[in-house]
Structures are given as C-alpha cells and as structure tokens.
Amino acid sequence: MTEKEFDYRSIKILAFIVPVLFIVTGLKYGGIFLALILNKGSLELTIFMNCTGINLLFYGLECLLTIGLYVTLFRVPDVSSRWNASCIILLISLIGEVFLRLLEWQSTFLEDEAVNQVVIVTLGAIPELLRAIGVILFHEGVRKQYVKMGQTKEERDRWIGGYSLWLTAFGIMIVSMPVFLLILILGTESMITLLRWFGFCEAFFYLCISVPMGLAIRRFCREYYLYRYNHG
C-alpha cells in the first residue's frame, strides 16, 4: 500500500472507537455487578445471560465497537504486525460470540448439573478473553509505533506506566467474572454480596483508568496521522 493509498480515515476512526470501547466495557461490567446487587438474584452462567435492560445495550454496543475496531484495523494492514494479529483475534472472538449464543440456547435443555455449568462458564469466558487479547495486541502495536516514531525515553516510560496500570485493571476485571461464577457454582452464595461489590469496585477503578488511557490513544492517533503524512 502506497502513501496515497493509506487509509488516513481509519486512524481518525480509531481515535474514537478505542476510547469509547474502553468506557462501554467498564460500564457493561459495572452495570452487571450493580444490577445483581439491587436485584438480589443469582449469577447466570455467562456474561450475556447476566445482561438485562441497559446492560444489554452496553453489551450490544461493545459488540458493535469490536466489529468497528476489527474493520478499521483490517483497513490498515501495513502499520503493525501486532495490529494484524489483533485483527485476527478480534474476528475469532466475534465468531466465538455467535457460537456461545448457540451454546447458551442448548444449555437450557441440559440438566442443572455442576459439571455442565462449569463447562458453560469456562467456554463463556473465551470470547471475552479473546477480545481482551485483541485490545492488548492493539496497545502493543501502539507501543511499537511510538518507538518507531522516535518517542523519547521519558515519553515511553509515561506511556508504559499508564498502559501497565490500565492493563492491570482490565485484566482483573475480565478474569473476575468467570472466577466469581465458578466460586458461586462450586461453593455457596453466602459470599455473593461481597463478590458483587468487589466486582463493581473493579469496574469503577477500570473506568477511572480508562479515561486518561483513552485520551492517550487519541493523542497517539493524532501524532501517528501527522507522522505518517509527513514522513511515511
């Protein structure tokens, strides 16, 4: 792809999609945990099955933004090998979401056995983890591009520090849901209130970290746009 053929519009779109995806993901998880507390109910087997009302809206927006991120990265294949890998992983996660919806439908015909529940919970976490890996690979591509663009050590350290904090909050939040589900399936529900509040605090912390991280992504997209335009 030549410079004239390079899709500069996709870089502009990334500056919008990625920060909004960060926020929507945090709202989805936080809403799920908070709704469970208010409803005094029990956790369902997968994240989608726990989504009702506005949480279902957040879930749908997250899927649409994931599709948008996949399409955008697909349109800029020459930027980074990590972005290419992210594109593939995101596609697999979307296919996995479709497969999981069928599995959830089939689960309604299965006997309510702990083994079946554990299998569904485990498989249900796979699309979420794949999406997380895709987003992490996107960040790794950003980090590599910053090095290529001649970013100073101080700027790289600041980026890595913010990215490490965001990654920690993101990882804890993503892993917590299937872990909580397995705890409640294999144990008792006496800990459910503590787990719900703990999960909500995780989501809130992630949202707080996502705001400056989203702004950093917007800044990168602007800088990379100018770098690509001026230097190729």
Protein backbone atom coordinates (compact mmCIF):
# COMPACT_ATOMS: atom_id res chain seq x y z
CA MET A 1 0.00 0.00 0.00
CA THR A 2 1.44 3.35 -1.04
CA GLU A 3 1.13 6.55 0.98
CA LYS A 4 -1.56 7.81 -1.39
CA GLU A 5 -3.50 4.60 -0.76
CA PHE A 6 -3.04 4.64 3.01
CA ASP A 7 -6.39 4.92 4.77
CA TYR A 8 -5.92 8.01 6.95
CA ARG A 9 -9.61 7.99 7.78
CA SER A 10 -9.17 4.72 9.67
CA ILE A 11 -6.66 6.33 12.02
CA LYS A 12 -9.22 9.04 12.77
CA ILE A 13 -11.84 6.38 13.42
CA LEU A 14 -9.50 4.54 15.80
CA ALA A 15 -9.19 7.74 17.85
CA PHE A 16 -12.93 7.48 18.50
CA ILE A 17 -13.63 3.75 18.61
CA VAL A 18 -10.97 2.64 21.08
CA PRO A 19 -11.65 5.17 23.88
CA VAL A 20 -15.41 4.58 23.61
CA LEU A 21 -14.84 0.80 23.68
CA PHE A 22 -12.88 1.21 26.92
CA ILE A 23 -15.74 3.10 28.57
CA VAL A 24 -18.52 0.83 27.29
CA THR A 25 -16.69 -2.29 28.52
CA GLY A 26 -16.33 -0.81 32.01
CA LEU A 27 -19.99 0.26 32.08
CA LYS A 28 -21.07 -3.21 31.00
CA TYR A 29 -19.22 -4.98 33.79
CA GLY A 30 -20.09 -2.38 36.42
CA GLY A 31 -23.75 -2.46 35.42
CA ILE A 32 -23.89 -6.24 35.62
CA PHE A 33 -22.46 -6.33 39.14
CA LEU A 34 -24.56 -3.42 40.38
CA ALA A 35 -27.79 -4.82 38.95
CA LEU A 36 -27.13 -8.15 40.60
CA ILE A 37 -26.82 -6.43 43.96
CA LEU A 38 -30.05 -4.49 43.52
CA ASN A 39 -32.00 -7.48 42.25
CA LYS A 40 -30.81 -9.82 44.98
CA GLY A 41 -30.67 -12.52 42.36
CA SER A 42 -28.06 -15.08 41.40
CA LEU A 43 -25.39 -15.01 38.73
CA GLU A 44 -26.18 -16.62 35.39
CA LEU A 45 -23.70 -18.82 33.56
CA THR A 46 -22.32 -16.28 31.07
CA ILE A 47 -21.91 -12.53 30.86
CA PHE A 48 -24.56 -12.24 28.13
CA MET A 49 -27.07 -14.14 30.26
CA ASN A 50 -26.44 -11.64 33.07
CA CYS A 51 -27.19 -8.68 30.79
CA THR A 52 -30.65 -7.14 31.07
CA GLY A 53 -32.02 -3.67 30.38
CA ILE A 54 -29.36 -1.04 29.88
CA ASN A 55 -26.62 -3.62 30.47
CA LEU A 56 -27.82 -5.42 27.35
CA LEU A 57 -27.44 -2.12 25.48
CA PHE A 58 -23.84 -1.83 26.68
CA TYR A 59 -23.21 -5.41 25.60
CA GLY A 60 -24.57 -4.70 22.12
CA LEU A 61 -22.52 -1.51 21.83
CA GLU A 62 -19.40 -3.39 22.84
CA CYS A 63 -20.00 -5.96 20.08
CA LEU A 64 -20.58 -3.19 17.51
CA LEU A 65 -17.43 -1.34 18.61
CA THR A 66 -15.47 -4.60 18.42
CA ILE A 67 -16.67 -5.07 14.85
CA GLY A 68 -15.70 -1.47 14.11
CA LEU A 69 -12.24 -1.98 15.59
CA TYR A 70 -11.77 -5.16 13.55
CA VAL A 71 -12.82 -3.46 10.29
CA THR A 72 -10.64 -0.42 10.99
CA LEU A 73 -7.54 -2.48 11.73
CA PHE A 74 -8.26 -4.59 8.66
CA ARG A 75 -8.07 -1.42 6.55
CA VAL A 76 -4.56 -0.50 7.79
CA PRO A 77 -2.67 -3.80 7.37
CA ASP A 78 0.76 -2.25 6.86
CA VAL A 79 1.02 -0.37 10.17
CA SER A 80 1.96 -3.14 12.61
CA SER A 81 2.15 -6.92 12.74
CA ARG A 82 0.59 -6.70 16.20
CA TRP A 83 -2.36 -4.81 14.77
CA ASN A 84 -2.72 -7.55 12.15
CA ALA A 85 -2.72 -10.16 14.92
CA SER A 86 -5.26 -8.09 16.86
CA CYS A 87 -7.48 -8.02 13.80
CA ILE A 88 -7.44 -11.82 13.54
CA ILE A 89 -8.07 -12.35 17.26
CA LEU A 90 -10.99 -9.93 17.26
CA LEU A 91 -12.55 -11.78 14.32
CA ILE A 92 -12.22 -15.08 16.19
CA SER A 93 -13.80 -13.51 19.28
CA LEU A 94 -16.79 -12.36 17.22
CA ILE A 95 -17.23 -15.83 15.76
CA GLY A 96 -16.94 -17.22 19.27
CA GLU A 97 -19.75 -14.92 20.42
CA VAL A 98 -22.08 -16.45 17.84
CA PHE A 99 -21.09 -19.97 18.85
CA LEU A 100 -21.60 -19.11 22.51
CA ARG A 101 -25.14 -17.83 21.91
CA LEU A 102 -25.98 -21.24 20.42
CA LEU A 103 -24.36 -22.97 23.39
CA GLU A 104 -26.42 -20.89 25.82
CA TRP A 105 -29.56 -21.88 23.96
CA GLN A 106 -28.61 -25.56 24.15
CA SER A 107 -27.80 -25.20 27.86
CA THR A 108 -31.49 -24.60 28.59
CA PHE A 109 -32.14 -28.24 27.64
CA LEU A 110 -29.36 -29.64 29.86
CA GLU A 111 -29.86 -30.83 33.39
CA ASP A 112 -28.73 -28.34 36.00
CA GLU A 113 -25.54 -30.19 36.91
CA ALA A 114 -22.39 -28.58 38.27
CA VAL A 115 -20.24 -30.15 35.52
CA ASN A 116 -22.40 -28.66 32.76
CA GLN A 117 -22.38 -25.28 34.49
CA VAL A 118 -18.59 -25.26 34.81
CA VAL A 119 -18.20 -26.11 31.10
CA ILE A 120 -20.53 -23.30 30.02
CA VAL A 121 -18.88 -20.78 32.35
CA THR A 122 -15.42 -21.74 31.06
CA LEU A 123 -16.42 -21.59 27.39
CA GLY A 124 -18.38 -18.40 28.03
CA ALA A 125 -15.21 -16.63 29.14
CA ILE A 126 -13.32 -17.42 25.93
CA PRO A 127 -14.81 -14.67 23.67
CA GLU A 128 -14.24 -12.10 26.43
CA LEU A 129 -10.64 -13.19 26.87
CA LEU A 130 -10.05 -13.17 23.09
CA ARG A 131 -11.44 -9.65 22.87
CA ALA A 132 -9.15 -8.65 25.72
CA ILE A 133 -6.14 -10.17 23.94
CA GLY A 134 -7.09 -8.32 20.75
CA VAL A 135 -7.21 -4.98 22.60
CA ILE A 136 -3.89 -5.73 24.32
CA LEU A 137 -2.27 -6.50 20.96
CA PHE A 138 -3.59 -3.18 19.69
CA HIS A 139 -1.83 -1.46 22.60
CA GLU A 140 1.37 -3.35 21.88
CA GLY A 141 1.21 -2.10 18.31
CA VAL A 142 0.85 1.45 19.62
CA ARG A 143 3.90 0.97 21.84
CA LYS A 144 5.97 -0.31 18.92
CA GLN A 145 4.89 2.58 16.73
CA TYR A 146 5.88 5.09 19.39
CA VAL A 147 9.39 3.61 19.36
CA LYS A 148 9.46 3.83 15.57
CA MET A 149 8.29 7.44 15.70
CA GLY A 150 11.28 8.38 17.85
CA GLN A 151 9.47 8.94 21.14
CA THR A 152 11.78 9.99 23.99
CA LYS A 153 12.51 7.65 26.89
CA GLU A 154 10.54 9.87 29.25
CA GLU A 155 7.51 9.77 26.96
CA ARG A 156 7.83 5.99 26.55
CA ASP A 157 8.06 5.50 30.32
CA ARG A 158 4.97 7.63 30.85
CA TRP A 159 3.07 5.65 28.23
CA ILE A 160 4.21 2.29 29.63
CA GLY A 161 3.28 3.37 33.17
CA GLY A 162 -0.25 4.34 32.17
CA TYR A 163 -0.61 1.27 29.97
CA SER A 164 0.58 -1.07 32.75
CA LEU A 165 -1.95 0.38 35.20
CA TRP A 166 -4.75 0.12 32.64
CA LEU A 167 -3.74 -3.45 31.76
CA THR A 168 -3.78 -4.47 35.42
CA ALA A 169 -7.27 -3.02 35.97
CA PHE A 170 -8.50 -4.52 32.69
CA GLY A 171 -7.09 -7.98 33.43
CA ILE A 172 -8.56 -8.14 36.93
CA MET A 173 -11.99 -7.07 35.71
CA ILE A 174 -12.08 -9.51 32.79
CA VAL A 175 -10.95 -12.51 34.85
CA SER A 176 -13.13 -11.74 37.88
CA MET A 177 -16.49 -12.59 36.28
CA PRO A 178 -15.78 -16.25 35.38
CA VAL A 179 -13.94 -16.69 38.68
CA PHE A 180 -16.95 -15.36 40.61
CA LEU A 181 -19.26 -17.60 38.62
CA LEU A 182 -17.18 -20.69 39.40
CA ILE A 183 -17.00 -19.76 43.10
CA LEU A 184 -20.77 -19.49 43.31
CA ILE A 185 -21.34 -22.71 41.33
CA LEU A 186 -18.86 -24.80 43.30
CA GLY A 187 -19.46 -23.17 46.67
CA THR A 188 -22.30 -21.32 48.39
CA GLU A 189 -23.99 -17.96 47.80
CA SER A 190 -23.03 -16.60 51.20
CA MET A 191 -20.22 -14.58 49.58
CA ILE A 192 -22.28 -13.15 46.74
CA THR A 193 -22.77 -9.66 48.22
CA LEU A 194 -19.04 -9.28 48.88
CA LEU A 195 -18.15 -10.55 45.42
CA ARG A 196 -20.65 -8.22 43.73
CA TRP A 197 -19.37 -5.12 45.47
CA PHE A 198 -15.80 -6.17 44.84
CA GLY A 199 -16.58 -6.59 41.13
CA PHE A 200 -18.34 -3.23 40.96
CA CYS A 201 -15.31 -1.53 42.54
CA GLU A 202 -13.09 -3.25 39.96
CA ALA A 203 -15.21 -1.86 37.14
CA PHE A 204 -15.22 1.62 38.68
CA PHE A 205 -11.43 1.58 39.03
CA TYR A 206 -11.10 0.41 35.42
CA LEU A 207 -13.33 3.26 34.23
CA CYS A 208 -11.21 5.80 36.10
CA ILE A 209 -8.06 4.45 34.45
CA SER A 210 -9.71 4.19 31.02
CA VAL A 211 -10.35 7.94 30.74
CA PRO A 212 -6.66 9.01 30.64
CA MET A 213 -5.80 5.88 28.63
CA GLY A 214 -8.44 6.75 26.05
CA LEU A 215 -7.08 10.29 25.81
CA ALA A 216 -3.60 8.81 25.32
CA ILE A 217 -4.90 6.70 22.43
CA ARG A 218 -6.49 9.77 20.84
CA ARG A 219 -3.18 11.61 21.18
CA PHE A 220 -1.32 8.69 19.58
CA CYS A 221 -3.73 8.59 16.63
CA ARG A 222 -3.26 12.31 16.06
CA GLU A 223 0.53 12.04 16.28
CA TYR A 224 0.66 8.96 14.08
CA TYR A 225 -1.57 10.63 11.49
CA LEU A 226 0.85 13.56 11.28
CA TYR A 227 3.89 11.27 11.35
CA ARG A 228 2.56 9.11 8.53
CA TYR A 229 1.51 12.13 6.50
CA ASN A 230 4.85 13.95 6.86
CA HIS A 231 7.32 11.07 6.93
CA GLY A 232 5.60 7.96 5.63
